């Protein structure tokens, strides 16, 4: 490779190396600047609670002396609230004991509820029609003796008056084909009509009895469920005083916690998010702008440009070669005589002989 090509390649290589080092240093500087901007923005937006004091208590916040970050938070209720809490807490133990004993006290309700369920199930074991039929049968059994005595008295009366065989009022066969009314004495007809009306009334009562038994059995289930509800409500009611006292203690604690909440809310308001974003964006923009400037290396750019120029010149010479310059011809002749030297000079002359060019 010609010496010019080596020089061009070396200049380009050295220029690229210097330019790369400058870009690397600029990137590192930009990264450091961006990190610093982020730290400044984080510091600006950091949560800074403030200790507060009210009638009900005080709040305190601790910070790490090295990092400045929040390291602890606490609050304390006032002595008055603390005394109220202690008095309510003394009542909690007794009320909790009553609540624990309530289950045994209300236990009989569960047994009663079970019996109501069993009784209701027995009442609902029969359909309303079966209950009505059973009702009619029982009523007939009750009325049978009196009806027999009434029938005997009526027959005795008819025989004594000589009308025992009198039968009137018979009707013919009905259009539907059913038999008509049989002949009977007026007294007997009135007697049987009374029995028929009584039986009709009993049938209506039997139907009502079936419906009433169904409703009664259903009501027994409702009664059992109500007893169970009373059992549960009794236990909840027994626990109610305990929860009320505990709620009082919690309410007093909330009052004592107010300074803590006020300090936290005030610290949240101190967070300057807009300012932090502005600082972050400004720092990032400055870092990016300086990165472009720091990435430029004058020496590296000059060497790279020099190498590129020499390569271009060599390329042009190869495309358009030029004739070499002519060699100048010179003639030499011997010197035959030296110049005259004054007689006063005692030194020897260097021009004693030789050749010179012209």
Protein backbone atom coordinates (compact mmCIF):
# COMPACT_ATOMS: atom_id res chain seq x y z
CA UNK A 1 0.00 0.00 0.00
CA UNK A 2 1.45 3.49 -0.83
CA UNK A 3 2.55 5.62 2.04
CA UNK A 4 -0.27 8.07 1.31
CA UNK A 5 -2.90 5.31 1.77
CA UNK A 6 -1.39 4.29 5.10
CA UNK A 7 -1.42 7.87 6.31
CA UNK A 8 -5.06 8.31 5.19
CA UNK A 9 -6.19 5.09 6.87
CA UNK A 10 -4.33 5.92 10.07
CA UNK A 11 -5.82 9.42 10.19
CA UNK A 12 -9.37 8.08 9.65
CA UNK A 13 -8.90 5.37 12.29
CA UNK A 14 -7.48 7.77 14.85
CA UNK A 15 -10.21 10.34 14.11
CA UNK A 16 -12.97 7.76 14.49
CA UNK A 17 -11.48 6.58 17.79
CA UNK A 18 -11.32 10.11 19.16
CA UNK A 19 -14.84 10.83 17.95
CA UNK A 20 -16.16 7.62 19.59
CA UNK A 21 -14.45 8.43 22.87
CA UNK A 22 -15.96 11.89 22.80
CA UNK A 23 -19.43 10.43 22.15
CA UNK A 24 -19.00 7.94 25.01
CA UNK A 25 -17.91 10.65 27.42
CA UNK A 26 -20.83 12.82 26.28
CA UNK A 27 -23.30 9.96 26.86
CA UNK A 28 -21.89 9.35 30.35
CA UNK A 29 -22.08 13.05 31.15
CA UNK A 30 -25.67 13.20 29.84
CA UNK A 31 -26.66 10.15 31.89
CA UNK A 32 -25.19 11.72 35.00
CA UNK A 33 -27.02 14.97 34.33
CA UNK A 34 -30.32 13.14 33.80
CA UNK A 35 -29.82 11.19 37.02
CA UNK A 36 -29.12 14.41 38.88
CA UNK A 37 -32.24 15.99 37.38
CA UNK A 38 -34.32 12.98 38.45
CA UNK A 39 -32.95 13.21 42.00
CA UNK A 40 -33.78 16.91 42.16
CA UNK A 41 -37.31 16.24 40.88
CA UNK A 42 -37.77 13.37 43.36
CA UNK A 43 -36.61 15.58 46.19
CA UNK A 44 -39.06 18.28 45.13
CA UNK A 45 -41.99 15.83 45.04
CA UNK A 46 -41.09 13.96 48.25
CA UNK A 47 -43.84 13.45 50.84
CA UNK A 48 -43.19 15.71 53.82
CA UNK A 49 -45.73 15.24 56.63
CA UNK A 50 -45.89 17.76 59.43
CA UNK A 51 -46.34 17.07 63.15
CA UNK A 52 -49.60 18.48 64.54
CA UNK A 53 -51.12 19.07 67.99
CA UNK A 54 -54.84 19.38 68.78
CA UNK A 55 -57.00 19.16 71.89
CA UNK A 56 -57.33 15.42 71.36
CA UNK A 57 -53.70 14.46 70.76
CA UNK A 58 -50.41 14.99 68.94
CA UNK A 59 -48.60 13.44 65.96
CA UNK A 60 -44.89 13.02 65.26
CA UNK A 61 -42.95 12.06 62.12
CA UNK A 62 -39.32 10.99 62.07
CA UNK A 63 -36.89 11.36 59.16
CA UNK A 64 -33.62 9.59 58.40
CA UNK A 65 -30.79 12.12 58.90
CA UNK A 66 -28.78 10.58 56.05
CA UNK A 67 -31.39 10.12 53.34
CA UNK A 68 -34.01 12.61 54.54
CA UNK A 69 -36.73 10.02 53.99
CA UNK A 70 -39.66 9.39 56.32
CA UNK A 71 -38.60 6.68 58.77
CA UNK A 72 -41.29 6.67 61.48
CA UNK A 73 -44.76 8.00 62.25
CA UNK A 74 -46.76 7.98 65.48
CA UNK A 75 -49.53 9.74 67.35
CA UNK A 76 -50.66 9.95 70.99
CA UNK A 77 -54.12 10.71 72.39
CA UNK A 78 -54.55 13.33 75.06
CA UNK A 79 -54.66 12.26 78.74
CA UNK A 80 -58.39 13.05 78.94
CA UNK A 81 -59.23 10.78 76.02
CA UNK A 82 -56.94 8.09 77.41
CA UNK A 83 -58.83 8.17 80.72
CA UNK A 84 -62.18 7.82 78.91
CA UNK A 85 -60.85 4.90 76.93
CA UNK A 86 -59.66 3.15 80.08
CA UNK A 87 -63.07 3.51 81.72
CA UNK A 88 -64.87 2.11 78.68
CA UNK A 89 -62.36 -0.70 78.34
CA UNK A 90 -63.08 -1.72 81.94
CA UNK A 91 -66.72 -2.29 80.99
CA UNK A 92 -65.90 -4.41 77.96
CA UNK A 93 -64.91 -7.51 79.91
CA UNK A 94 -68.24 -7.85 81.75
CA UNK A 95 -70.30 -7.23 78.63
CA UNK A 96 -68.35 -9.82 76.69
CA UNK A 97 -69.00 -12.36 79.45
CA UNK A 98 -72.74 -11.75 79.19
CA UNK A 99 -72.58 -12.24 75.45
CA UNK A 100 -70.78 -15.55 75.91
CA UNK A 101 -73.44 -16.76 78.39
CA UNK A 102 -76.30 -15.77 76.09
CA UNK A 103 -76.01 -18.94 74.01
CA UNK A 104 -76.88 -21.14 77.02
CA UNK A 105 -79.62 -18.82 78.20
CA UNK A 106 -81.41 -18.87 74.83
CA UNK A 107 -80.79 -22.59 74.18
CA UNK A 108 -84.39 -23.65 75.12
CA UNK A 109 -85.65 -21.71 72.14
CA UNK A 110 -83.90 -24.12 69.79
CA UNK A 111 -85.64 -27.12 71.42
CA UNK A 112 -89.01 -25.40 71.19
CA UNK A 113 -88.40 -24.59 67.55
CA UNK A 114 -87.62 -28.24 66.80
CA UNK A 115 -90.87 -29.34 68.47
CA UNK A 116 -92.83 -26.78 66.47
CA UNK A 117 -91.33 -28.12 63.27
CA UNK A 118 -92.22 -31.68 64.20
CA UNK A 119 -95.79 -30.76 65.14
CA UNK A 120 -96.29 -28.79 61.97
CA UNK A 121 -95.04 -31.72 59.93
CA UNK A 122 -97.60 -34.01 61.55
CA UNK A 123 -100.44 -31.59 60.78
CA UNK A 124 -99.35 -31.30 57.17
CA UNK A 125 -99.07 -35.06 56.76
CA UNK A 126 -102.83 -35.19 55.78
CA UNK A 127 -104.36 -33.47 52.80
CA UNK A 128 -107.36 -31.13 53.31
CA UNK A 129 -109.70 -33.75 51.78
CA UNK A 130 -108.53 -36.38 54.22
CA UNK A 131 -109.03 -33.99 57.11
CA UNK A 132 -112.58 -33.16 55.88
CA UNK A 133 -113.49 -36.82 55.60
CA UNK A 134 -112.15 -37.50 59.07
CA UNK A 135 -114.12 -34.54 60.40
CA UNK A 136 -117.37 -35.79 58.86
CA UNK A 137 -116.82 -39.25 60.25
CA UNK A 138 -116.30 -37.93 63.74
CA UNK A 139 -119.41 -35.72 63.55
CA UNK A 140 -121.52 -38.59 62.30
CA UNK A 141 -120.31 -40.73 65.18
CA UNK A 142 -121.34 -38.01 67.60
CA UNK A 143 -124.77 -37.44 66.04
CA UNK A 144 -125.71 -41.09 65.48
CA UNK A 145 -127.14 -41.80 68.97
CA UNK A 146 -129.30 -38.66 69.08
CA UNK A 147 -130.59 -39.25 65.58
CA UNK A 148 -131.59 -42.78 66.46
CA UNK A 149 -133.54 -41.57 69.49
CA UNK A 150 -135.24 -38.87 67.45
CA UNK A 151 -136.25 -41.47 64.84
CA UNK A 152 -137.70 -43.79 67.48
CA UNK A 153 -139.69 -40.98 69.07
CA UNK A 154 -141.10 -39.92 65.69
CA UNK A 155 -142.17 -43.47 64.80
CA UNK A 156 -143.78 -43.94 68.20
CA UNK A 157 -145.72 -40.73 67.77
CA UNK A 158 -146.97 -41.77 64.31
CA UNK A 159 -148.14 -45.21 65.55
CA UNK A 160 -149.93 -43.70 68.48
CA UNK A 161 -151.84 -41.33 66.20
CA UNK A 162 -152.63 -44.07 63.70
CA UNK A 163 -150.52 -42.62 60.88
CA UNK A 164 -147.73 -45.07 60.91
CA UNK A 165 -148.33 -46.33 57.36
CA UNK A 166 -149.20 -42.99 55.76
CA UNK A 167 -146.99 -42.20 52.80
CA UNK A 168 -147.53 -39.27 50.44
CA UNK A 169 -145.44 -36.92 48.27
CA UNK A 170 -143.84 -39.45 45.91
CA UNK A 171 -142.48 -38.12 42.56
CA UNK A 172 -141.78 -39.77 39.25
CA UNK A 173 -138.42 -40.50 37.72
CA UNK A 174 -136.35 -37.43 36.96
CA UNK A 175 -135.41 -36.45 33.35
CA UNK A 176 -131.87 -37.54 33.98
CA UNK A 177 -133.09 -41.01 34.87
CA UNK A 178 -132.51 -40.65 38.59
CA UNK A 179 -135.11 -41.89 40.95
CA UNK A 180 -137.65 -39.40 42.21
CA UNK A 181 -138.62 -38.69 45.79
CA UNK A 182 -140.11 -41.54 47.72
CA UNK A 183 -143.45 -41.36 49.45
CA UNK A 184 -143.38 -40.58 53.16
CA UNK A 185 -145.45 -39.06 55.86
CA UNK A 186 -145.10 -35.32 56.33
CA UNK A 187 -143.38 -35.81 59.69
CA UNK A 188 -140.84 -38.25 58.25
CA UNK A 189 -140.16 -35.95 55.27
CA UNK A 190 -139.54 -33.05 57.59
CA UNK A 191 -137.22 -35.18 59.70
CA UNK A 192 -135.07 -36.33 56.80
CA UNK A 193 -134.97 -32.83 55.31
CA UNK A 194 -133.59 -31.61 58.64
CA UNK A 195 -130.97 -34.34 58.58
CA UNK A 196 -129.97 -33.42 55.02
CA UNK A 197 -129.55 -29.77 55.92
CA UNK A 198 -127.51 -30.71 58.96
CA UNK A 199 -125.29 -32.97 56.85
CA UNK A 200 -124.75 -30.17 54.29
CA UNK A 201 -123.69 -27.82 57.04
CA UNK A 202 -121.33 -30.46 58.41
CA UNK A 203 -119.79 -30.94 54.97
CA UNK A 204 -119.05 -27.21 54.72
CA UNK A 205 -117.58 -27.28 58.21
CA UNK A 206 -115.47 -30.31 57.26
CA UNK A 207 -113.99 -28.45 54.30
CA UNK A 208 -113.19 -25.50 56.52
CA UNK A 209 -111.59 -27.85 59.03
CA UNK A 210 -109.26 -29.22 56.34
CA UNK A 211 -108.22 -25.73 55.32
CA UNK A 212 -107.75 -24.67 58.92
CA UNK A 213 -105.56 -27.66 59.68
CA UNK A 214 -103.36 -26.85 56.67
CA UNK A 215 -103.03 -23.25 57.77
CA UNK A 216 -102.37 -24.28 61.35
CA UNK A 217 -99.59 -26.68 60.35
CA UNK A 218 -98.00 -24.03 58.19
CA UNK A 219 -98.23 -21.58 61.08
CA UNK A 220 -96.40 -24.00 63.33
CA UNK A 221 -93.44 -23.92 60.95
CA UNK A 222 -93.54 -20.12 61.06
CA UNK A 223 -93.64 -20.24 64.85
CA UNK A 224 -90.59 -22.52 64.92
CA UNK A 225 -88.71 -20.23 62.57
CA UNK A 226 -89.63 -17.28 64.77
CA UNK A 227 -88.23 -19.05 67.81
CA UNK A 228 -84.96 -19.65 66.01
CA UNK A 229 -84.89 -16.00 65.01
CA UNK A 230 -85.40 -15.00 68.62
CA UNK A 231 -82.54 -17.30 69.61
CA UNK A 232 -80.17 -15.58 67.19
CA UNK A 233 -81.52 -12.11 67.95
CA UNK A 234 -81.04 -12.74 71.65
CA UNK A 235 -77.37 -13.57 71.19
CA UNK A 236 -76.85 -10.54 68.96
CA UNK A 237 -78.64 -8.38 71.49
CA UNK A 238 -76.45 -9.75 74.26
CA UNK A 239 -73.38 -8.75 72.24
CA UNK A 240 -74.75 -5.29 71.48
CA UNK A 241 -73.53 -3.61 74.72
CA UNK A 242 -70.02 -4.91 74.10
CA UNK A 243 -69.96 -3.58 70.54
CA UNK A 244 -71.36 -0.24 71.73
CA UNK A 245 -68.61 0.20 74.29
CA UNK A 246 -66.01 -0.93 71.80
CA UNK A 247 -67.35 1.60 69.30
CA UNK A 248 -66.97 4.30 71.93
CA UNK A 249 -63.33 3.36 72.44
CA UNK A 250 -62.79 3.41 68.67
CA UNK A 251 -64.44 6.82 68.35
CA UNK A 252 -62.16 8.27 71.02
CA UNK A 253 -59.19 6.74 69.18
CA UNK A 254 -60.33 8.44 65.97
CA UNK A 255 -60.40 11.78 67.74
CA UNK A 256 -56.85 11.22 68.99
CA UNK A 257 -55.80 10.25 65.46
CA UNK A 258 -56.94 13.56 63.96
CA UNK A 259 -53.52 15.27 64.38
CA UNK A 260 -51.90 12.39 62.51
CA UNK A 261 -54.37 12.67 59.64
CA UNK A 262 -53.97 16.44 59.51
CA UNK A 263 -50.20 16.11 59.32
CA UNK A 264 -50.43 13.52 56.56
CA UNK A 265 -52.87 15.64 54.55
CA UNK A 266 -50.72 18.72 54.97
CA UNK A 267 -47.64 16.75 53.89
CA UNK A 268 -49.50 15.61 50.78
CA UNK A 269 -50.33 19.19 49.93
CA UNK A 270 -46.64 20.11 50.21
CA UNK A 271 -45.79 17.76 47.36
CA UNK A 272 -44.99 20.00 44.37
CA UNK A 273 -45.68 17.67 41.47
CA UNK A 274 -45.79 20.41 38.86
CA UNK A 275 -42.50 21.88 40.02
CA UNK A 276 -40.89 18.45 40.12
CA UNK A 277 -41.99 17.73 36.55
CA UNK A 278 -40.71 21.11 35.39
CA UNK A 279 -37.32 20.49 37.00
CA UNK A 280 -37.13 17.00 35.55
CA UNK A 281 -38.03 18.07 32.01
CA UNK A 282 -35.67 21.05 32.15
CA UNK A 283 -32.80 18.90 33.41
CA UNK A 284 -33.42 16.27 30.72
CA UNK A 285 -33.53 18.90 27.99
CA UNK A 286 -30.29 20.49 29.18
CA UNK A 287 -28.59 17.09 29.39
CA UNK A 288 -29.64 16.18 25.85
CA UNK A 289 -28.49 19.56 24.52
CA UNK A 290 -25.09 19.28 26.18
CA UNK A 291 -24.73 15.67 24.97
CA UNK A 292 -24.78 16.84 21.37
CA UNK A 293 -22.15 19.50 22.08
CA UNK A 294 -19.91 17.22 24.15
CA UNK A 295 -20.07 14.47 21.55
CA UNK A 296 -18.10 16.67 19.08
CA UNK A 297 -14.29 16.19 19.03
CA UNK A 298 -12.43 18.87 17.01
CA UNK A 299 -9.23 16.82 16.68
CA UNK A 300 -11.11 13.65 15.82
CA UNK A 301 -13.21 15.48 13.23
CA UNK A 302 -10.08 17.10 11.72
CA UNK A 303 -8.24 13.79 11.48
CA UNK A 304 -11.27 12.06 10.02
CA UNK A 305 -11.67 14.86 7.49
CA UNK A 306 -7.98 14.76 6.60
CA UNK A 307 -8.07 11.00 6.04
CA UNK A 308 -11.21 11.33 3.93
CA UNK A 309 -9.62 14.11 1.83
CA UNK A 310 -6.47 12.09 1.19
CA UNK A 311 -8.53 9.06 0.19
CA UNK A 312 -10.55 11.18 -2.21
CA UNK A 313 -7.35 12.62 -3.72
CA UNK A 314 -5.88 9.15 -4.20
CA UNK A 315 -9.08 7.98 -5.80
CA UNK A 316 -9.05 10.95 -8.20
CA UNK A 317 -5.41 10.29 -9.09
CA UNK A 318 -6.28 6.72 -9.96
CA UNK A 319 -9.11 7.88 -12.18
CA UNK A 320 -7.10 10.64 -13.86
CA UNK A 321 -3.40 9.76 -13.78
CA UNK A 322 -0.84 12.56 -14.71
CA UNK A 323 2.54 12.27 -16.57
CA UNK A 324 5.65 12.32 -14.36
CA UNK A 325 7.72 15.53 -14.35
CA UNK A 326 10.77 15.55 -16.74
CA UNK A 327 14.21 15.00 -15.22
CA UNK A 328 16.53 17.97 -15.65
CA UNK A 329 19.81 17.08 -17.44
CA UNK A 330 23.02 18.58 -16.16
CA UNK A 331 26.59 18.67 -17.73
CA UNK A 332 29.82 18.79 -15.82
CA UNK A 333 33.23 20.09 -17.03
CA UNK A 334 36.59 20.24 -15.30
CA UNK A 335 37.87 23.47 -13.81
CA UNK A 336 41.21 24.27 -15.41
CA UNK A 337 42.18 27.41 -13.57
CA UNK A 338 41.36 28.83 -10.18
CA UNK A 339 40.48 32.45 -9.62
CA UNK A 340 43.31 34.81 -8.78
CA UNK A 341 44.13 35.12 -5.11
CA UNK A 342 45.75 38.23 -3.72
CA UNK A 343 49.43 37.88 -2.82
CA UNK A 344 48.91 39.13 0.71
CA UNK A 345 46.88 36.09 1.65
CA UNK A 346 48.96 33.36 3.09
CA UNK A 347 46.21 30.79 3.34
CA UNK A 348 45.83 28.14 0.69
CA UNK A 349 42.78 28.39 -1.60
CA UNK A 350 40.19 25.67 -1.64
CA UNK A 351 39.60 26.21 -5.28
CA UNK A 352 42.65 24.36 -6.42
CA UNK A 353 40.87 22.08 -8.79
CA UNK A 354 37.71 19.95 -9.44
CA UNK A 355 34.43 20.16 -11.36
CA UNK A 356 31.44 22.47 -11.12
CA UNK A 357 28.10 22.32 -12.76
CA UNK A 358 26.48 24.89 -14.92
